[in-house]
Structure formats: structure tokens, C-alpha cells
Amino acid sequence: WVRTIFAISGVASFGLMADTLPPLVAWQGQSEQLMQTEASTWVTPAEL
């Protein structure tokens, strides 16, 4: 089992680790309207 964990690499490994975290509480907020889309000239790299 240990060897299997360390054999995984890249983003797939991140996905596995993220899935082991505690359950999420669903969230929605007014602040989501702050985001701009790919169509915007000044969309930030993170927003992409």
C-alpha cells in the first residue's frame, strides 16, 4: 500500500490526496459574481 501511494505522481496524486480530506460543506456566495470569464480582456490567470 505504501509503495502504491508513492508510485503515484503528478496531478493524479494531488487528486487522491484531496479526496482524503474531511467532507466539504457546500458553499455559494454573492462574492462569486466578482469573477470574470475568459471573454474578459483583463481576466486574471487564476480566473482562467
All heavy atoms as atom14 arrays in JSON, in Angstrom:
{
  "sequence": "WVRTIFAISGVASFGLMADTLPPLVAWQGQSEQLMQTEASTWVTPAEL",
  "atom14_mask": [
    [1, 1, 1, 1, 1, 1, 1, 1, 1, 1, 1, 1, 1, 1],
    [1, 1, 1, 1, 1, 1, 1, 0, 0, 0, 0, 0, 0, 0],
    [1, 1, 1, 1, 1, 1, 1, 1, 1, 1, 1, 0, 0, 0],
    [1, 1, 1, 1, 1, 1, 1, 0, 0, 0, 0, 0, 0, 0],
    [1, 1, 1, 1, 1, 1, 1, 1, 0, 0, 0, 0, 0, 0],
    [1, 1, 1, 1, 1, 1, 1, 1, 1, 1, 1, 0, 0, 0],
    [1, 1, 1, 1, 1, 0, 0, 0, 0, 0, 0, 0, 0, 0],
    [1, 1, 1, 1, 1, 1, 1, 1, 0, 0, 0, 0, 0, 0],
    [1, 1, 1, 1, 1, 1, 0, 0, 0, 0, 0, 0, 0, 0],
    [1, 1, 1, 1, 0, 0, 0, 0, 0, 0, 0, 0, 0, 0],
    [1, 1, 1, 1, 1, 1, 1, 0, 0, 0, 0, 0, 0, 0],
    [1, 1, 1, 1, 1, 0, 0, 0, 0, 0, 0, 0, 0, 0],
    [1, 1, 1, 1, 1, 1, 0, 0, 0, 0, 0, 0, 0, 0],
    [1, 1, 1, 1, 1, 1, 1, 1, 1, 1, 1, 0, 0, 0],
    [1, 1, 1, 1, 0, 0, 0, 0, 0, 0, 0, 0, 0, 0],
    [1, 1, 1, 1, 1, 1, 1, 1, 0, 0, 0, 0, 0, 0],
    [1, 1, 1, 1, 1, 1, 1, 1, 0, 0, 0, 0, 0, 0],
    [1, 1, 1, 1, 1, 0, 0, 0, 0, 0, 0, 0, 0, 0],
    [1, 1, 1, 1, 1, 1, 1, 1, 0, 0, 0, 0, 0, 0],
    [1, 1, 1, 1, 1, 1, 1, 0, 0, 0, 0, 0, 0, 0],
    [1, 1, 1, 1, 1, 1, 1, 1, 0, 0, 0, 0, 0, 0],
    [1, 1, 1, 1, 1, 1, 1, 0, 0, 0, 0, 0, 0, 0],
    [1, 1, 1, 1, 1, 1, 1, 0, 0, 0, 0, 0, 0, 0],
    [1, 1, 1, 1, 1, 1, 1, 1, 0, 0, 0, 0, 0, 0],
    [1, 1, 1, 1, 1, 1, 1, 0, 0, 0, 0, 0, 0, 0],
    [1, 1, 1, 1, 1, 0, 0, 0, 0, 0, 0, 0, 0, 0],
    [1, 1, 1, 1, 1, 1, 1, 1, 1, 1, 1, 1, 1, 1],
    [1, 1, 1, 1, 1, 1, 1, 1, 1, 0, 0, 0, 0, 0],
    [1, 1, 1, 1, 0, 0, 0, 0, 0, 0, 0, 0, 0, 0],
    [1, 1, 1, 1, 1, 1, 1, 1, 1, 0, 0, 0, 0, 0],
    [1, 1, 1, 1, 1, 1, 0, 0, 0, 0, 0, 0, 0, 0],
    [1, 1, 1, 1, 1, 1, 1, 1, 1, 0, 0, 0, 0, 0],
    [1, 1, 1, 1, 1, 1, 1, 1, 1, 0, 0, 0, 0, 0],
    [1, 1, 1, 1, 1, 1, 1, 1, 0, 0, 0, 0, 0, 0],
    [1, 1, 1, 1, 1, 1, 1, 1, 0, 0, 0, 0, 0, 0],
    [1, 1, 1, 1, 1, 1, 1, 1, 1, 0, 0, 0, 0, 0],
    [1, 1, 1, 1, 1, 1, 1, 0, 0, 0, 0, 0, 0, 0],
    [1, 1, 1, 1, 1, 1, 1, 1, 1, 0, 0, 0, 0, 0],
    [1, 1, 1, 1, 1, 0, 0, 0, 0, 0, 0, 0, 0, 0],
    [1, 1, 1, 1, 1, 1, 0, 0, 0, 0, 0, 0, 0, 0],
    [1, 1, 1, 1, 1, 1, 1, 0, 0, 0, 0, 0, 0, 0],
    [1, 1, 1, 1, 1, 1, 1, 1, 1, 1, 1, 1, 1, 1],
    [1, 1, 1, 1, 1, 1, 1, 0, 0, 0, 0, 0, 0, 0],
    [1, 1, 1, 1, 1, 1, 1, 0, 0, 0, 0, 0, 0, 0],
    [1, 1, 1, 1, 1, 1, 1, 0, 0, 0, 0, 0, 0, 0],
    [1, 1, 1, 1, 1, 0, 0, 0, 0, 0, 0, 0, 0, 0],
    [1, 1, 1, 1, 1, 1, 1, 1, 1, 0, 0, 0, 0, 0],
    [1, 1, 1, 1, 1, 1, 1, 1, 0, 0, 0, 0, 0, 0]
  ],
  "atom14_positions": [
    [[0.84, -1.21, 0.0], [0.0, 0.0, 0.0], [0.87, 1.25, 0.0], [0.6, 2.2, -0.73], [-0.9, -0.03, 1.23], [-1.65, 1.25, 1.46], [-2.75, 1.69, 0.8], [-1.33, 2.26, 2.4], [-3.16, 2.91, 1.28], [-2.31, 3.28, 2.27], [-0.32, 2.43, 3.36], [-2.29, 4.43, 3.04], [-0.32, 3.57, 4.13], [-1.3, 4.56, 3.97]],
    [[1.94, 1.25, 0.81], [2.84, 2.39, 0.86], [3.5, 2.61, -0.5], [3.58, 3.73, -1.0], [3.91, 2.2, 1.96], [4.89, 3.34, 1.95], [3.24, 2.07, 3.32], [0.0, 0.0, 0.0], [0.0, 0.0, 0.0], [0.0, 0.0, 0.0], [0.0, 0.0, 0.0], [0.0, 0.0, 0.0], [0.0, 0.0, 0.0], [0.0, 0.0, 0.0]],
    [[3.95, 1.52, -1.13], [4.61, 1.65, -2.43], [3.64, 2.17, -3.48], [4.0, 2.94, -4.36], [5.19, 0.3, -2.86], [6.54, 0.0, -2.22], [7.22, -1.18, -2.88], [6.57, -2.44, -2.52], [6.93, -3.18, -1.48], [7.91, -2.8, -0.71], [6.31, -4.32, -1.23], [0.0, 0.0, 0.0], [0.0, 0.0, 0.0], [0.0, 0.0, 0.0]],
    [[2.37, 1.74, -3.39], [1.37, 2.22, -4.35], [1.18, 3.72, -4.24], [1.11, 4.43, -5.23], [0.03, 1.51, -4.1], [0.2, 0.11, -4.26], [-1.03, 2.0, -5.08], [0.0, 0.0, 0.0], [0.0, 0.0, 0.0], [0.0, 0.0, 0.0], [0.0, 0.0, 0.0], [0.0, 0.0, 0.0], [0.0, 0.0, 0.0], [0.0, 0.0, 0.0]],
    [[1.12, 4.23, -3.0], [0.94, 5.67, -2.79], [2.1, 6.45, -3.39], [1.91, 7.43, -4.1], [0.83, 5.98, -1.28], [-0.5, 5.45, -0.73], [0.95, 7.48, -1.02], [-1.71, 6.16, -1.28], [0.0, 0.0, 0.0], [0.0, 0.0, 0.0], [0.0, 0.0, 0.0], [0.0, 0.0, 0.0], [0.0, 0.0, 0.0], [0.0, 0.0, 0.0]],
    [[3.32, 6.01, -3.13], [4.49, 6.75, -3.61], [4.76, 6.53, -5.09], [5.52, 7.28, -5.69], [5.72, 6.38, -2.79], [5.73, 7.05, -1.45], [5.31, 6.37, -0.33], [6.11, 8.38, -1.32], [5.3, 6.98, 0.91], [6.09, 9.0, -0.08], [5.69, 8.3, 1.04], [0.0, 0.0, 0.0], [0.0, 0.0, 0.0], [0.0, 0.0, 0.0]],
    [[4.13, 5.53, -5.7], [4.3, 5.32, -7.13], [3.45, 6.29, -7.93], [3.71, 6.55, -9.1], [3.93, 3.89, -7.49], [0.0, 0.0, 0.0], [0.0, 0.0, 0.0], [0.0, 0.0, 0.0], [0.0, 0.0, 0.0], [0.0, 0.0, 0.0], [0.0, 0.0, 0.0], [0.0, 0.0, 0.0], [0.0, 0.0, 0.0], [0.0, 0.0, 0.0]],
    [[2.4, 6.85, -7.3], [1.53, 7.79, -7.99], [2.24, 9.12, -8.1], [2.84, 9.6, -7.17], [0.2, 7.95, -7.22], [-0.51, 6.6, -7.16], [-0.7, 8.98, -7.88], [-1.72, 6.6, -6.26], [0.0, 0.0, 0.0], [0.0, 0.0, 0.0], [0.0, 0.0, 0.0], [0.0, 0.0, 0.0], [0.0, 0.0, 0.0], [0.0, 0.0, 0.0]],
    [[2.15, 9.78, -9.24], [2.84, 11.06, -9.42], [1.93, 12.04, -10.13], [0.88, 11.68, -10.67], [4.13, 10.88, -10.23], [3.82, 10.38, -11.51], [0.0, 0.0, 0.0], [0.0, 0.0, 0.0], [0.0, 0.0, 0.0], [0.0, 0.0, 0.0], [0.0, 0.0, 0.0], [0.0, 0.0, 0.0], [0.0, 0.0, 0.0], [0.0, 0.0, 0.0]],
    [[2.34, 13.33, -10.1], [1.65, 14.37, -10.85], [0.32, 14.75, -10.23], [0.04, 14.51, -9.07], [0.0, 0.0, 0.0], [0.0, 0.0, 0.0], [0.0, 0.0, 0.0], [0.0, 0.0, 0.0], [0.0, 0.0, 0.0], [0.0, 0.0, 0.0], [0.0, 0.0, 0.0], [0.0, 0.0, 0.0], [0.0, 0.0, 0.0], [0.0, 0.0, 0.0]],
    [[-0.55, 15.34, -11.06], [-1.81, 15.88, -10.59], [-2.72, 14.78, -10.09], [-3.52, 14.97, -9.18], [-2.5, 16.7, -11.71], [-3.87, 17.18, -11.28], [-1.63, 17.88, -12.1], [0.0, 0.0, 0.0], [0.0, 0.0, 0.0], [0.0, 0.0, 0.0], [0.0, 0.0, 0.0], [0.0, 0.0, 0.0], [0.0, 0.0, 0.0], [0.0, 0.0, 0.0]],
    [[-2.62, 13.59, -10.68], [-3.45, 12.49, -10.21], [-3.21, 12.22, -8.74], [-4.13, 11.93, -7.98], [-3.15, 11.24, -11.03], [0.0, 0.0, 0.0], [0.0, 0.0, 0.0], [0.0, 0.0, 0.0], [0.0, 0.0, 0.0], [0.0, 0.0, 0.0], [0.0, 0.0, 0.0], [0.0, 0.0, 0.0], [0.0, 0.0, 0.0], [0.0, 0.0, 0.0]],
    [[-1.94, 12.32, -8.3], [-1.64, 12.13, -6.89], [-2.3, 13.19, -6.04], [-2.79, 12.92, -4.97], [-0.12, 12.15, -6.69], [0.19, 12.04, -5.32], [0.0, 0.0, 0.0], [0.0, 0.0, 0.0], [0.0, 0.0, 0.0], [0.0, 0.0, 0.0], [0.0, 0.0, 0.0], [0.0, 0.0, 0.0], [0.0, 0.0, 0.0], [0.0, 0.0, 0.0]],
    [[-2.27, 14.45, -6.54], [-2.93, 15.52, -5.8], [-4.41, 15.21, -5.63], [-4.98, 15.4, -4.57], [-2.76, 16.85, -6.54], [-3.56, 17.97, -5.93], [-3.1, 18.63, -4.81], [-4.79, 18.3, -6.43], [-3.84, 19.64, -4.23], [-5.55, 19.3, -5.86], [-5.07, 19.97, -4.77], [0.0, 0.0, 0.0], [0.0, 0.0, 0.0], [0.0, 0.0, 0.0]],
    [[-5.05, 14.71, -6.7], [-6.47, 14.37, -6.61], [-6.73, 13.33, -5.56], [-7.69, 13.41, -4.8], [0.0, 0.0, 0.0], [0.0, 0.0, 0.0], [0.0, 0.0, 0.0], [0.0, 0.0, 0.0], [0.0, 0.0, 0.0], [0.0, 0.0, 0.0], [0.0, 0.0, 0.0], [0.0, 0.0, 0.0], [0.0, 0.0, 0.0], [0.0, 0.0, 0.0]],
    [[-5.86, 12.33, -5.47], [-6.02, 11.31, -4.46], [-5.91, 11.89, -3.07], [-6.72, 11.62, -2.19], [-4.97, 10.21, -4.66], [-4.97, 9.09, -3.61], [-6.26, 8.31, -3.67], [-3.78, 8.16, -3.83], [0.0, 0.0, 0.0], [0.0, 0.0, 0.0], [0.0, 0.0, 0.0], [0.0, 0.0, 0.0], [0.0, 0.0, 0.0], [0.0, 0.0, 0.0]],
    [[-4.89, 12.75, -2.86], [-4.71, 13.34, -1.54], [-5.89, 14.23, -1.18], [-6.36, 14.23, -0.05], [-3.4, 14.15, -1.5], [-2.15, 13.34, -1.74], [-1.97, 11.95, -0.61], [-1.66, 12.84, 0.91], [0.0, 0.0, 0.0], [0.0, 0.0, 0.0], [0.0, 0.0, 0.0], [0.0, 0.0, 0.0], [0.0, 0.0, 0.0], [0.0, 0.0, 0.0]],
    [[-6.4, 15.01, -2.16], [-7.51, 15.9, -1.87], [-8.74, 15.12, -1.45], [-9.52, 15.54, -0.6], [-7.82, 16.77, -3.09], [0.0, 0.0, 0.0], [0.0, 0.0, 0.0], [0.0, 0.0, 0.0], [0.0, 0.0, 0.0], [0.0, 0.0, 0.0], [0.0, 0.0, 0.0], [0.0, 0.0, 0.0], [0.0, 0.0, 0.0], [0.0, 0.0, 0.0]],
    [[-8.95, 13.94, -2.08], [-10.11, 13.13, -1.74], [-10.07, 12.59, -0.32], [-11.09, 12.12, 0.2], [-10.22, 11.96, -2.72], [-10.61, 12.4, -4.12], [-11.12, 13.54, -4.26], [-10.41, 11.62, -5.06], [0.0, 0.0, 0.0], [0.0, 0.0, 0.0], [0.0, 0.0, 0.0], [0.0, 0.0, 0.0], [0.0, 0.0, 0.0], [0.0, 0.0, 0.0]],
    [[-8.92, 12.57, 0.29], [-8.81, 12.04, 1.65], [-9.12, 13.1, 2.71], [-9.16, 12.78, 3.9], [-7.39, 11.5, 1.9], [-6.46, 12.58, 1.89], [-7.0, 10.47, 0.86], [0.0, 0.0, 0.0], [0.0, 0.0, 0.0], [0.0, 0.0, 0.0], [0.0, 0.0, 0.0], [0.0, 0.0, 0.0], [0.0, 0.0, 0.0], [0.0, 0.0, 0.0]],
    [[-9.32, 14.34, 2.3], [-9.6, 15.4, 3.27], [-11.02, 15.3, 3.79], [-11.87, 14.66, 3.16], [-9.35, 16.77, 2.62], [-7.89, 17.06, 2.25], [-7.79, 18.39, 1.52], [-7.0, 17.08, 3.49], [0.0, 0.0, 0.0], [0.0, 0.0, 0.0], [0.0, 0.0, 0.0], [0.0, 0.0, 0.0], [0.0, 0.0, 0.0], [0.0, 0.0, 0.0]],
    [[-11.31, 15.93, 4.94], [-12.66, 15.85, 5.51], [-13.72, 16.34, 4.53], [-13.44, 17.14, 3.64], [-12.57, 16.76, 6.73], [-11.13, 16.75, 7.11], [-10.39, 16.66, 5.81], [0.0, 0.0, 0.0], [0.0, 0.0, 0.0], [0.0, 0.0, 0.0], [0.0, 0.0, 0.0], [0.0, 0.0, 0.0], [0.0, 0.0, 0.0], [0.0, 0.0, 0.0]],
    [[-14.96, 15.89, 4.7], [-16.05, 16.28, 3.79], [-16.25, 17.8, 3.8], [-16.05, 18.47, 4.8], [-17.27, 15.56, 4.36], [-16.73, 14.46, 5.2], [-15.41, 14.94, 5.73], [0.0, 0.0, 0.0], [0.0, 0.0, 0.0], [0.0, 0.0, 0.0], [0.0, 0.0, 0.0], [0.0, 0.0, 0.0], [0.0, 0.0, 0.0], [0.0, 0.0, 0.0]],
    [[-16.68, 18.3, 2.63], [-16.92, 19.73, 2.47], [-18.36, 20.09, 2.8], [-19.28, 19.31, 2.54], [-16.65, 20.14, 1.03], [-15.26, 20.62, 0.66], [-15.16, 20.83, -0.85], [-14.94, 21.93, 1.38], [0.0, 0.0, 0.0], [0.0, 0.0, 0.0], [0.0, 0.0, 0.0], [0.0, 0.0, 0.0], [0.0, 0.0, 0.0], [0.0, 0.0, 0.0]],
    [[-18.53, 21.29, 3.33], [-19.86, 21.88, 3.44], [-20.09, 22.69, 2.18], [-19.26, 23.51, 1.78], [-19.96, 22.79, 4.69], [-21.33, 23.45, 4.76], [-19.67, 21.99, 5.96], [0.0, 0.0, 0.0], [0.0, 0.0, 0.0], [0.0, 0.0, 0.0], [0.0, 0.0, 0.0], [0.0, 0.0, 0.0], [0.0, 0.0, 0.0], [0.0, 0.0, 0.0]],
    [[-21.2, 22.45, 1.49], [-21.49, 23.14, 0.23], [-21.52, 24.65, 0.46], [-21.98, 25.12, 1.51], [-22.82, 22.66, -0.34], [0.0, 0.0, 0.0], [0.0, 0.0, 0.0], [0.0, 0.0, 0.0], [0.0, 0.0, 0.0], [0.0, 0.0, 0.0], [0.0, 0.0, 0.0], [0.0, 0.0, 0.0], [0.0, 0.0, 0.0], [0.0, 0.0, 0.0]],
    [[-21.01, 25.39, -0.55], [-20.95, 26.86, -0.4], [-21.34, 27.56, -1.68], [-20.97, 27.13, -2.79], [-19.53, 27.29, -0.03], [-19.38, 28.79, 0.07], [-19.72, 29.59, 1.11], [-18.86, 29.65, -0.94], [-19.45, 30.9, 0.84], [-18.92, 30.98, -0.43], [-18.35, 29.46, -2.22], [-18.49, 32.08, -1.15], [-17.92, 30.56, -2.95], [-17.99, 31.86, -2.41]],
    [[-22.1, 28.63, -1.55], [-22.37, 29.59, -2.61], [-22.39, 30.96, -1.97], [-22.83, 31.1, -0.82], [-23.72, 29.33, -3.28], [-23.72, 28.17, -4.26], [-25.04, 28.06, -4.99], [-26.1, 28.18, -4.37], [-24.99, 27.85, -6.3], [0.0, 0.0, 0.0], [0.0, 0.0, 0.0], [0.0, 0.0, 0.0], [0.0, 0.0, 0.0], [0.0, 0.0, 0.0]],
    [[-21.91, 31.98, -2.7], [-21.87, 33.3, -2.11], [-21.99, 34.4, -3.14], [-21.67, 34.2, -4.33], [0.0, 0.0, 0.0], [0.0, 0.0, 0.0], [0.0, 0.0, 0.0], [0.0, 0.0, 0.0], [0.0, 0.0, 0.0], [0.0, 0.0, 0.0], [0.0, 0.0, 0.0], [0.0, 0.0, 0.0], [0.0, 0.0, 0.0], [0.0, 0.0, 0.0]],
    [[-22.41, 35.55, -2.69], [-22.52, 36.72, -3.55], [-21.17, 37.07, -4.18], [-21.11, 37.61, -5.29], [-23.04, 37.9, -2.72], [-23.31, 39.18, -3.48], [-24.58, 39.1, -4.33], [-25.39, 38.2, -4.09], [-24.74, 40.0, -5.28], [0.0, 0.0, 0.0], [0.0, 0.0, 0.0], [0.0, 0.0, 0.0], [0.0, 0.0, 0.0], [0.0, 0.0, 0.0]],
    [[-20.08, 36.75, -3.49], [-18.76, 37.11, -4.0], [-18.4, 36.39, -5.28], [-17.46, 36.79, -5.99], [-17.7, 36.83, -2.93], [-17.65, 35.45, -2.61], [0.0, 0.0, 0.0], [0.0, 0.0, 0.0], [0.0, 0.0, 0.0], [0.0, 0.0, 0.0], [0.0, 0.0, 0.0], [0.0, 0.0, 0.0], [0.0, 0.0, 0.0], [0.0, 0.0, 0.0]],
    [[-19.12, 35.31, -5.63], [-18.84, 34.61, -6.87], [-19.05, 35.51, -8.09], [-18.48, 35.28, -9.16], [-19.71, 33.36, -6.98], [-19.32, 32.29, -5.97], [-20.24, 31.07, -6.02], [-21.42, 31.21, -5.67], [-19.76, 29.99, -6.44], [0.0, 0.0, 0.0], [0.0, 0.0, 0.0], [0.0, 0.0, 0.0], [0.0, 0.0, 0.0], [0.0, 0.0, 0.0]],
    [[-19.86, 36.57, -7.93], [-20.11, 37.49, -9.03], [-18.89, 38.37, -9.33], [-18.88, 39.09, -10.33], [-21.32, 38.37, -8.71], [-22.62, 37.58, -8.56], [-23.81, 38.47, -8.27], [-23.76, 39.68, -8.45], [-24.9, 37.86, -7.79], [0.0, 0.0, 0.0], [0.0, 0.0, 0.0], [0.0, 0.0, 0.0], [0.0, 0.0, 0.0], [0.0, 0.0, 0.0]],
    [[-17.88, 38.33, -8.46], [-16.67, 39.1, -8.68], [-15.8, 38.52, -9.79], [-14.96, 39.23, -10.35], [-15.84, 39.17, -7.39], [-16.48, 39.88, -6.19], [-15.69, 39.6, -4.93], [-16.56, 41.37, -6.46], [0.0, 0.0, 0.0], [0.0, 0.0, 0.0], [0.0, 0.0, 0.0], [0.0, 0.0, 0.0], [0.0, 0.0, 0.0], [0.0, 0.0, 0.0]],
    [[-16.01, 37.26, -10.11], [-15.14, 36.6, -11.09], [-15.46, 37.05, -12.5], [-16.61, 37.29, -12.84], [-15.29, 35.08, -10.96], [-14.74, 34.5, -9.68], [-14.97, 32.7, -9.62], [-14.02, 32.19, -11.05], [0.0, 0.0, 0.0], [0.0, 0.0, 0.0], [0.0, 0.0, 0.0], [0.0, 0.0, 0.0], [0.0, 0.0, 0.0], [0.0, 0.0, 0.0]],
    [[-14.41, 37.15, -13.31], [-14.58, 37.43, -14.73], [-14.28, 36.17, -15.53], [-13.62, 35.24, -15.05], [-13.7, 38.59, -15.17], [-14.12, 39.92, -14.55], [-13.47, 41.12, -15.2], [-12.77, 41.0, -16.21], [-13.72, 42.29, -14.65], [0.0, 0.0, 0.0], [0.0, 0.0, 0.0], [0.0, 0.0, 0.0], [0.0, 0.0, 0.0], [0.0, 0.0, 0.0]],
    [[-14.76, 36.16, -16.76], [-14.64, 34.98, -17.6], [-13.54, 35.15, -18.64], [-12.94, 36.22, -18.78], [-15.96, 34.7, -18.32], [-16.21, 35.76, -19.25], [-17.12, 34.61, -17.32], [0.0, 0.0, 0.0], [0.0, 0.0, 0.0], [0.0, 0.0, 0.0], [0.0, 0.0, 0.0], [0.0, 0.0, 0.0], [0.0, 0.0, 0.0], [0.0, 0.0, 0.0]],
    [[-13.31, 34.1, -19.35], [-12.29, 34.07, -20.4], [-12.52, 35.15, -21.45], [-11.58, 35.63, -22.08], [-12.31, 32.69, -21.05], [-11.22, 32.43, -22.03], [-11.27, 31.01, -22.55], [-12.18, 30.25, -22.14], [-10.41, 30.66, -23.36], [0.0, 0.0, 0.0], [0.0, 0.0, 0.0], [0.0, 0.0, 0.0], [0.0, 0.0, 0.0], [0.0, 0.0, 0.0]],
    [[-13.77, 35.59, -21.59], [-14.09, 36.6, -22.6], [-13.6, 37.99, -22.22], [-13.49, 38.87, -23.07], [-15.6, 36.64, -22.83], [0.0, 0.0, 0.0], [0.0, 0.0, 0.0], [0.0, 0.0, 0.0], [0.0, 0.0, 0.0], [0.0, 0.0, 0.0], [0.0, 0.0, 0.0], [0.0, 0.0, 0.0], [0.0, 0.0, 0.0], [0.0, 0.0, 0.0]],
    [[-13.29, 38.18, -20.95], [-12.86, 39.5, -20.48], [-11.4, 39.76, -20.85], [-10.55, 38.88, -20.74], [-13.03, 39.6, -18.96], [-12.39, 40.75, -18.47], [0.0, 0.0, 0.0], [0.0, 0.0, 0.0], [0.0, 0.0, 0.0], [0.0, 0.0, 0.0], [0.0, 0.0, 0.0], [0.0, 0.0, 0.0], [0.0, 0.0, 0.0], [0.0, 0.0, 0.0]],
    [[-11.12, 40.99, -21.25], [-9.74, 41.37, -21.6], [-8.81, 41.24, -20.4], [-7.64, 40.87, -20.54], [-9.71, 42.82, -22.1], [-10.59, 42.95, -23.21], [-8.29, 43.24, -22.48], [0.0, 0.0, 0.0], [0.0, 0.0, 0.0], [0.0, 0.0, 0.0], [0.0, 0.0, 0.0], [0.0, 0.0, 0.0], [0.0, 0.0, 0.0], [0.0, 0.0, 0.0]],
    [[-9.34, 41.52, -19.2], [-8.49, 41.58, -18.01], [-8.73, 40.43, -17.04], [-8.43, 40.53, -15.86], [-8.7, 42.92, -17.31], [-8.2, 44.06, -18.14], [-8.92, 44.93, -18.89], [-6.84, 44.39, -18.36], [-8.11, 45.8, -19.55], [-6.82, 45.5, -19.24], [-5.62, 43.88, -17.9], [-5.64, 46.1, -19.68], [-4.45, 44.47, -18.32], [-4.46, 45.56, -19.21]],
    [[-9.24, 39.32, -17.55], [-9.38, 38.14, -16.7], [-8.01, 37.74, -16.18], [-7.01, 37.77, -16.9], [-10.04, 36.98, -17.48], [-9.18, 36.55, -18.66], [-10.34, 35.81, -16.56], [0.0, 0.0, 0.0], [0.0, 0.0, 0.0], [0.0, 0.0, 0.0], [0.0, 0.0, 0.0], [0.0, 0.0, 0.0], [0.0, 0.0, 0.0], [0.0, 0.0, 0.0]],
    [[-7.91, 37.41, -14.91], [-6.62, 37.04, -14.33], [-6.28, 35.6, -14.66], [-7.17, 34.79, -14.97], [-6.63, 37.22, -12.8], [-7.55, 36.27, -12.23], [-7.04, 38.63, -12.41], [0.0, 0.0, 0.0], [0.0, 0.0, 0.0], [0.0, 0.0, 0.0], [0.0, 0.0, 0.0], [0.0, 0.0, 0.0], [0.0, 0.0, 0.0], [0.0, 0.0, 0.0]],
    [[-5.0, 35.24, -14.58], [-4.63, 33.84, -14.86], [-5.36, 32.84, -13.98], [-5.75, 31.77, -14.45], [-3.12, 33.83, -14.6], [-2.68, 35.23, -14.86], [-3.81, 36.09, -14.4], [0.0, 0.0, 0.0], [0.0, 0.0, 0.0], [0.0, 0.0, 0.0], [0.0, 0.0, 0.0], [0.0, 0.0, 0.0], [0.0, 0.0, 0.0], [0.0, 0.0, 0.0]],
    [[-5.56, 33.18, -12.71], [-6.26, 32.25, -11.81], [-7.72, 32.09, -12.2], [-8.28, 30.99, -12.08], [-6.14, 32.74, -10.37], [0.0, 0.0, 0.0], [0.0, 0.0, 0.0], [0.0, 0.0, 0.0], [0.0, 0.0, 0.0], [0.0, 0.0, 0.0], [0.0, 0.0, 0.0], [0.0, 0.0, 0.0], [0.0, 0.0, 0.0], [0.0, 0.0, 0.0]],
    [[-8.34, 33.17, -12.65], [-9.75, 33.08, -13.05], [-9.93, 32.18, -14.27], [-10.99, 31.57, -14.46], [-10.31, 34.47, -13.34], [-10.55, 35.29, -12.08], [-10.91, 36.73, -12.4], [-10.14, 37.41, -13.13], [-11.98, 37.17, -11.92], [0.0, 0.0, 0.0], [0.0, 0.0, 0.0], [0.0, 0.0, 0.0], [0.0, 0.0, 0.0], [0.0, 0.0, 0.0]],
    [[-8.9, 32.1, -15.12], [-8.97, 31.2, -16.27], [-9.14, 29.75, -15.84], [-9.65, 28.93, -16.61], [-7.71, 31.36, -17.13], [-7.6, 32.67, -17.92], [-6.24, 32.76, -18.61], [-8.73, 32.78, -18.95], [0.0, 0.0, 0.0], [0.0, 0.0, 0.0], [0.0, 0.0, 0.0], [0.0, 0.0, 0.0], [0.0, 0.0, 0.0], [0.0, 0.0, 0.0]]
  ]
}
